[in-house]
Structures are given as C-alpha cells and as structure tokens.
Protein backbone atom coordinates (compact mmCIF):
# COMPACT_ATOMS: atom_id res chain seq x y z
CA MET A 1 -34.99 22.21 14.50
CA LYS A 2 -36.70 22.17 17.83
CA ASN A 3 -38.22 18.71 17.46
CA PRO A 4 -35.78 16.16 19.03
CA VAL A 5 -37.33 13.26 17.09
CA LEU A 6 -36.71 15.06 13.81
CA LYS A 7 -33.12 15.80 14.87
CA LEU A 8 -32.56 12.14 15.70
CA ALA A 9 -34.05 11.05 12.36
CA VAL A 10 -31.83 13.44 10.38
CA LEU A 11 -28.76 12.35 12.34
CA SER A 12 -29.58 8.68 11.73
CA VAL A 13 -29.96 9.23 7.99
CA LEU A 14 -26.63 11.08 7.84
CA ILE A 15 -24.84 8.32 9.75
CA LEU A 16 -26.29 5.64 7.47
CA PHE A 17 -25.41 7.66 4.38
CA PHE A 18 -21.77 8.04 5.35
CA ALA A 19 -21.42 4.49 6.67
CA CYS A 20 -22.91 2.89 3.56
CA GLY A 21 -21.26 5.30 1.16
CA GLU A 22 -17.70 4.29 2.08
CA LYS A 23 -15.63 3.84 -1.06
CA ALA A 24 -12.44 2.00 -1.83
CA THR A 25 -9.18 3.81 -1.29
CA THR A 26 -6.85 3.99 -4.30
CA ILE A 27 -3.19 4.92 -4.00
CA ASN A 28 -0.86 5.33 -6.98
CA THR A 29 2.85 5.19 -6.07
CA GLY A 30 4.24 5.52 -9.58
CA THR A 31 5.02 1.80 -9.86
CA SER A 32 2.00 0.36 -8.03
CA VAL A 33 -1.72 0.95 -7.84
CA ILE A 34 -3.01 -0.07 -4.42
CA LEU A 35 -6.73 -0.52 -3.74
CA LYS A 36 -8.13 -1.04 -0.26
CA GLY A 37 -11.73 -1.74 0.64
CA HIS A 38 -14.24 -4.49 1.38
CA TYR A 39 -14.84 -7.26 -1.14
CA ASN A 40 -18.42 -7.36 -2.46
CA GLY A 41 -18.31 -10.69 -4.34
CA ASN A 42 -17.37 -9.50 -7.84
CA ASN A 43 -14.11 -9.67 -9.78
CA LEU A 44 -11.96 -6.63 -10.51
CA PHE A 45 -11.32 -5.64 -14.14
CA VAL A 46 -8.17 -3.78 -15.19
CA LYS A 47 -7.17 -2.25 -18.52
CA ASN A 48 -3.48 -2.99 -18.91
CA SER A 49 -1.27 -0.47 -20.68
CA VAL A 50 1.48 -1.18 -23.18
CA GLY A 51 4.92 -1.82 -21.66
CA PRO A 52 7.55 0.91 -21.34
CA ASP A 53 9.42 -0.15 -24.49
CA GLY A 54 6.24 -0.39 -26.56
CA LEU A 55 6.24 -4.17 -26.33
CA GLY A 56 4.30 -6.35 -23.93
CA TYR A 57 2.26 -4.91 -21.10
CA GLY A 58 2.88 -2.65 -18.12
CA VAL A 59 1.52 -4.81 -15.27
CA ASN A 60 4.19 -7.15 -13.94
CA GLU A 61 2.61 -8.53 -10.76
CA ILE A 62 -0.67 -8.54 -8.81
CA LEU A 63 -0.86 -9.15 -5.07
CA ILE A 64 -4.03 -9.76 -3.07
CA ASN A 65 -3.53 -9.26 0.66
CA GLY A 66 0.20 -9.69 0.03
CA ASN A 67 -0.12 -12.94 -1.94
CA ARG A 68 0.72 -13.16 -5.65
CA THR A 69 -2.21 -14.12 -7.87
CA SER A 70 -2.15 -16.60 -10.72
CA ASP A 71 -4.33 -14.36 -12.92
CA GLU A 72 -3.14 -13.84 -16.49
CA ILE A 73 -1.47 -10.42 -16.66
CA ALA A 74 0.03 -10.54 -20.17
CA ALA A 75 -3.15 -9.22 -21.75
CA GLU A 76 -4.81 -5.91 -22.63
CA ASN A 77 -7.66 -6.65 -20.20
CA ILE A 78 -7.12 -8.40 -16.87
CA GLU A 79 -9.80 -10.01 -14.75
CA ILE A 80 -8.67 -10.47 -11.16
CA ASP A 81 -10.52 -13.44 -9.68
CA LEU A 82 -10.92 -12.32 -6.08
CA LYS A 83 -12.98 -15.32 -5.00
CA ALA A 84 -10.16 -17.67 -6.08
CA SER A 85 -7.80 -15.75 -3.79
CA GLY A 86 -9.76 -16.96 -0.77
CA VAL A 87 -11.15 -13.57 0.24
CA ARG A 88 -14.66 -13.79 1.64
CA GLU A 89 -17.41 -11.36 0.77
CA GLY A 90 -17.57 -8.40 3.15
CA HIS A 91 -13.97 -8.81 4.34
CA GLU A 92 -11.25 -6.20 4.00
CA ILE A 93 -8.98 -6.60 1.00
CA THR A 94 -5.85 -4.94 -0.35
CA ILE A 95 -4.97 -5.33 -4.01
CA GLU A 96 -1.59 -4.15 -5.24
CA ILE A 97 -1.08 -3.98 -9.00
CA ARG A 98 2.61 -3.53 -9.70
CA HIS A 99 3.59 -2.05 -13.04
CA TYR A 100 6.51 -0.57 -14.90
CA LYS A 101 7.10 3.15 -14.42
CA GLY A 102 5.06 5.26 -16.82
CA CYS A 103 2.48 2.64 -17.73
CA ALA A 104 -0.11 2.57 -14.96
CA PRO A 105 -3.14 0.34 -15.52
CA LYS A 106 -6.69 1.68 -15.42
CA ILE A 107 -9.08 0.19 -12.87
CA LEU A 108 -12.43 -0.29 -14.63
CA ASN A 109 -14.71 -1.21 -11.73
CA SER A 110 -13.24 -0.13 -8.40
CA GLU A 111 -16.76 -0.25 -6.94
CA VAL A 112 -16.23 -4.00 -6.28
CA LEU A 113 -14.34 -2.75 -3.24
CA ASN A 114 -16.57 -0.55 -1.12
C-alpha cells in the first residue's frame, strides 16, 4: 500500500475492531468462576449444576466486585441482578461465582460483560 490515506484508514478500522471487540475474561479456578469485563446494562444468567452429593445445587455464593449478592442461588437457573448491585453501565465489573468442587455452573450470556 503506497497510499498513506488508505494505510491510515485500514489502521483506524483495525484499531476500532480490536477496541470494540473486547470480550469478558473468564477464569475457572476449580471452585470459582470469575468473570471480568464492563457492564452493559443487562443481567447475567447462570445454569446451576446439581450439588456434589446429588442434592441441592453447586453454587454456594456470588460476589460482585467483592460484595455478596442477595440473588437466589438455590435454583437450577440463576439471574444475577447487576443493576441492583450498584454497578453502573460501562463500568468495570468482577463477578465471582463460588461453587462446590466438581459442579461448575454454566454462564449463559457472558456477553453482558464486554
């Protein structure tokens, strides 16, 4: 590419693509699923697994930015109300879903953190 305007245009598109395409980071420690990203205004949905002894459920605590939530976790499907936690749209957020070993939950819509 010899045209400097074309080079600048291509570079700009690439920068925008990578800046806007940032996705949430998910870390699984074996007893926690940790999601980090920017809150986009929607709630997070989680499919809870059965507890280690076949009774109850695997998730035992949910923390948002280090604070325990009051969301109902003794259910097959969990809706984490991020707005109720005080996080503002566009701000960084860390969600830690603690669970019993061997029964990790499934995050259904991690795109709410981008």
